[in-house]
């Protein structure tokens, strides 16, 4: 996707407008759920109900991603870990495993969408540590910086959590394919598939 043509700028404008409208509606719809989860987190575990972590977004700029906290606060005291390294029952908060299994921990990222850090649909943002590992295998990852990262993507739907570098490279291929022809119709289809996958 070369960001230069008038049609491309129009497409990006429409995608951003779509993101803002849908994210705002979803926040209103899910506000009771967000409140219940927040209260449950505060009652069942110490520390913050939310989890902030630096990720790399559009144009390679870092931003703070917002999630409901699913792991104990010092779960990564020994450094960054892939998902399969932290799937021990003792590492989760009391409701953390449920939140992660159903991807409910991702809901606060709707605020990231409104802020402009993220899109509803796009590649999943990674930490610098893992991006450096991916770039060692495939330099094309840098092409993803042309767009905002997303809450969901076709790659995330069909590959789930990427707990190995091999899975990250498979996801990269799908994300690059999306990057070639991003459309609102495709975004809508991916959002519907995401909702379907949750139930």
Protein backbone atom coordinates (compact mmCIF):
# COMPACT_ATOMS: atom_id res chain seq x y z
CA UNK A 1 0.00 0.00 0.00
CA UNK A 2 1.71 3.21 -1.17
CA UNK A 3 0.32 6.19 0.74
CA UNK A 4 0.43 8.82 -1.97
CA UNK A 5 -2.64 8.70 -4.20
CA UNK A 6 -5.81 10.70 -3.56
CA UNK A 7 -7.82 7.48 -3.42
CA UNK A 8 -5.50 6.09 -0.74
CA UNK A 9 -5.83 9.22 1.40
CA UNK A 10 -9.61 9.00 1.04
CA UNK A 11 -9.48 5.34 2.03
CA UNK A 12 -7.39 6.14 5.12
CA UNK A 13 -9.79 8.94 6.09
CA UNK A 14 -12.81 6.64 5.77
CA UNK A 15 -11.06 3.90 7.75
CA UNK A 16 -10.27 6.36 10.56
CA UNK A 17 -13.83 7.70 10.61
CA UNK A 18 -15.15 4.12 10.69
CA UNK A 19 -12.80 3.29 13.58
CA UNK A 20 -13.92 6.27 15.67
CA UNK A 21 -17.62 5.66 15.08
CA UNK A 22 -17.56 1.92 15.76
CA UNK A 23 -15.18 2.19 18.75
CA UNK A 24 -17.41 4.83 20.36
CA UNK A 25 -20.52 2.70 19.85
CA UNK A 26 -18.79 -0.43 21.20
CA UNK A 27 -17.59 1.42 24.30
CA UNK A 28 -21.16 2.47 25.06
CA UNK A 29 -22.51 -1.04 24.41
CA UNK A 30 -19.82 -2.75 26.49
CA UNK A 31 -19.60 -0.13 29.26
CA UNK A 32 -21.55 -2.31 31.77
CA UNK A 33 -19.20 -5.21 30.98
CA UNK A 34 -16.14 -2.99 31.38
CA UNK A 35 -17.38 -1.76 34.76
CA UNK A 36 -18.14 -5.29 36.01
CA UNK A 37 -14.70 -6.56 34.99
CA UNK A 38 -13.01 -3.56 36.57
CA UNK A 39 -14.81 -4.13 39.88
CA UNK A 40 -14.13 -7.88 39.76
CA UNK A 41 -10.43 -7.20 39.23
CA UNK A 42 -10.26 -4.76 42.14
CA UNK A 43 -12.08 -7.20 44.44
CA UNK A 44 -10.12 -10.33 43.54
CA UNK A 45 -6.56 -9.08 43.09
CA UNK A 46 -4.18 -6.44 44.34
CA UNK A 47 -2.81 -3.76 42.09
CA UNK A 48 -4.24 -2.11 39.01
CA UNK A 49 -7.15 -3.60 37.10
CA UNK A 50 -5.50 -2.42 33.90
CA UNK A 51 -2.26 -3.30 32.17
CA UNK A 52 -0.18 -0.75 30.28
CA UNK A 53 2.70 -1.82 28.08
CA UNK A 54 4.76 -0.16 25.38
CA UNK A 55 4.11 -1.42 21.86
CA UNK A 56 5.33 -0.21 18.48
CA UNK A 57 2.74 1.33 16.19
CA UNK A 58 2.37 3.31 12.98
CA UNK A 59 5.60 4.78 11.57
CA UNK A 60 7.52 2.75 14.15
CA UNK A 61 6.44 5.02 17.00
CA UNK A 62 5.91 3.55 20.49
CA UNK A 63 2.61 3.88 22.34
CA UNK A 64 1.10 2.45 25.51
CA UNK A 65 -1.43 -0.31 24.87
CA UNK A 66 -4.27 -0.70 27.38
CA UNK A 67 -5.67 -4.05 28.49
CA UNK A 68 -7.34 -5.59 31.50
CA UNK A 69 -4.60 -7.18 33.56
CA UNK A 70 -4.66 -10.98 33.33
CA UNK A 71 -1.30 -11.87 34.89
CA UNK A 72 0.16 -11.09 38.30
CA UNK A 73 2.06 -7.81 38.30
CA UNK A 74 5.58 -9.29 38.36
CA UNK A 75 4.86 -12.13 35.93
CA UNK A 76 7.59 -10.93 33.55
CA UNK A 77 10.20 -9.98 36.11
CA UNK A 78 12.67 -12.20 34.22
CA UNK A 79 12.10 -10.40 30.92
CA UNK A 80 9.65 -10.52 27.97
CA UNK A 81 7.91 -13.86 27.50
CA UNK A 82 5.83 -15.39 24.74
CA UNK A 83 2.35 -16.62 25.70
CA UNK A 84 3.35 -20.25 26.04
CA UNK A 85 5.95 -19.24 28.63
CA UNK A 86 3.38 -17.72 30.98
CA UNK A 87 0.42 -20.10 30.79
CA UNK A 88 0.81 -21.33 34.36
CA UNK A 89 -2.28 -21.19 36.54
CA UNK A 90 -0.37 -19.45 39.31
CA UNK A 91 0.61 -16.61 36.98
CA UNK A 92 -2.98 -15.51 36.28
CA UNK A 93 -5.15 -13.19 38.30
CA UNK A 94 -8.31 -14.96 39.63
CA UNK A 95 -10.31 -14.02 36.51
CA UNK A 96 -7.35 -13.52 34.19
CA UNK A 97 -7.49 -16.87 32.44
CA UNK A 98 -11.18 -16.38 31.62
CA UNK A 99 -10.55 -12.87 30.30
CA UNK A 100 -7.68 -14.01 28.09
CA UNK A 101 -9.43 -17.14 26.79
CA UNK A 102 -12.38 -15.06 25.59
CA UNK A 103 -10.16 -12.11 24.53
CA UNK A 104 -12.16 -9.83 26.84
CA UNK A 105 -8.90 -8.37 28.15
CA UNK A 106 -8.56 -6.59 24.78
CA UNK A 107 -11.71 -4.45 25.21
CA UNK A 108 -9.92 -1.43 26.75
CA UNK A 109 -7.99 -1.09 23.49
CA UNK A 110 -11.08 0.64 22.14
CA UNK A 111 -9.68 3.69 23.98
CA UNK A 112 -6.43 3.24 22.02
CA UNK A 113 -8.52 3.32 18.84
CA UNK A 114 -10.23 6.58 19.83
CA UNK A 115 -6.88 8.08 20.77
CA UNK A 116 -5.49 7.22 17.33
CA UNK A 117 -2.83 4.74 18.42
CA UNK A 118 -4.69 1.79 16.93
CA UNK A 119 -7.32 0.77 14.41
CA UNK A 120 -10.09 -1.77 14.88
CA UNK A 121 -8.52 -3.97 12.19
CA UNK A 122 -4.80 -4.22 11.54
CA UNK A 123 -1.70 -6.15 12.49
CA UNK A 124 -1.31 -6.90 16.17
CA UNK A 125 1.23 -4.53 17.77
CA UNK A 126 4.31 -6.16 19.27
CA UNK A 127 6.97 -5.15 21.74
CA UNK A 128 10.34 -3.98 20.40
CA UNK A 129 12.00 -7.15 21.73
CA UNK A 130 9.84 -9.43 19.58
CA UNK A 131 9.91 -7.13 16.56
CA UNK A 132 13.70 -7.33 16.56
CA UNK A 133 13.44 -11.13 16.58
CA UNK A 134 10.97 -11.09 13.68
CA UNK A 135 13.13 -8.69 11.66
CA UNK A 136 16.03 -11.10 11.96
CA UNK A 137 13.92 -13.61 10.00
CA UNK A 138 11.94 -11.30 7.71
CA UNK A 139 12.71 -7.61 7.12
CA UNK A 140 9.29 -7.08 5.53
CA UNK A 141 7.80 -6.58 8.99
CA UNK A 142 8.80 -2.91 8.69
CA UNK A 143 6.22 -2.52 5.89
CA UNK A 144 3.47 -2.89 8.49
CA UNK A 145 4.45 0.48 9.96
CA UNK A 146 2.51 2.11 7.09
CA UNK A 147 -0.74 1.51 8.97
CA UNK A 148 -2.02 1.61 12.51
CA UNK A 149 -1.93 -1.70 14.40
CA UNK A 150 -5.31 -3.22 15.19
CA UNK A 151 -7.32 -4.91 17.91
CA UNK A 152 -8.07 -7.78 15.55
CA UNK A 153 -7.01 -9.11 12.17
CA UNK A 154 -7.60 -12.07 9.90
CA UNK A 155 -4.25 -13.43 11.03
CA UNK A 156 -5.24 -13.18 14.70
CA UNK A 157 -8.56 -14.93 14.06
CA UNK A 158 -7.04 -17.95 12.34
CA UNK A 159 -3.75 -18.18 14.25
CA UNK A 160 -4.75 -17.09 17.75
CA UNK A 161 -2.02 -16.05 20.16
CA UNK A 162 1.40 -16.17 18.51
CA UNK A 163 3.47 -18.02 21.08
CA UNK A 164 6.38 -18.87 18.75
CA UNK A 165 8.44 -16.96 16.20
CA UNK A 166 7.20 -19.40 13.55
CA UNK A 167 3.60 -18.36 14.23
CA UNK A 168 4.61 -14.71 14.14
CA UNK A 169 6.08 -15.21 10.66
CA UNK A 170 2.89 -16.93 9.46
CA UNK A 171 0.86 -14.04 10.86
CA UNK A 172 3.19 -11.59 9.11
CA UNK A 173 2.39 -13.13 5.71
CA UNK A 174 -1.34 -12.65 6.31
CA UNK A 175 -0.86 -9.10 7.59
CA UNK A 176 1.16 -8.16 4.51
CA UNK A 177 -1.58 -9.57 2.30
CA UNK A 178 -4.14 -7.39 4.13
CA UNK A 179 -1.85 -4.38 3.69
CA UNK A 180 -2.00 -4.73 -0.10
CA UNK A 181 -5.76 -4.03 -0.31
CA UNK A 182 -7.30 -2.75 2.95
CA UNK A 183 -10.97 -1.85 2.51
CA UNK A 184 -13.86 -1.02 4.82
CA UNK A 185 -15.74 -4.04 3.51
CA UNK A 186 -12.82 -6.28 4.42
CA UNK A 187 -12.61 -4.64 7.87
CA UNK A 188 -16.31 -5.23 8.45
CA UNK A 189 -15.95 -8.88 7.46
CA UNK A 190 -13.01 -9.34 9.84
CA UNK A 191 -14.92 -7.66 12.69
CA UNK A 192 -17.89 -9.98 12.15
CA UNK A 193 -15.58 -13.02 12.06
CA UNK A 194 -13.98 -11.80 15.28
CA UNK A 195 -17.35 -11.55 17.04
CA UNK A 196 -18.28 -15.01 15.75
CA UNK A 197 -15.02 -16.48 17.06
CA UNK A 198 -15.76 -15.21 20.57
CA UNK A 199 -18.88 -17.38 20.95
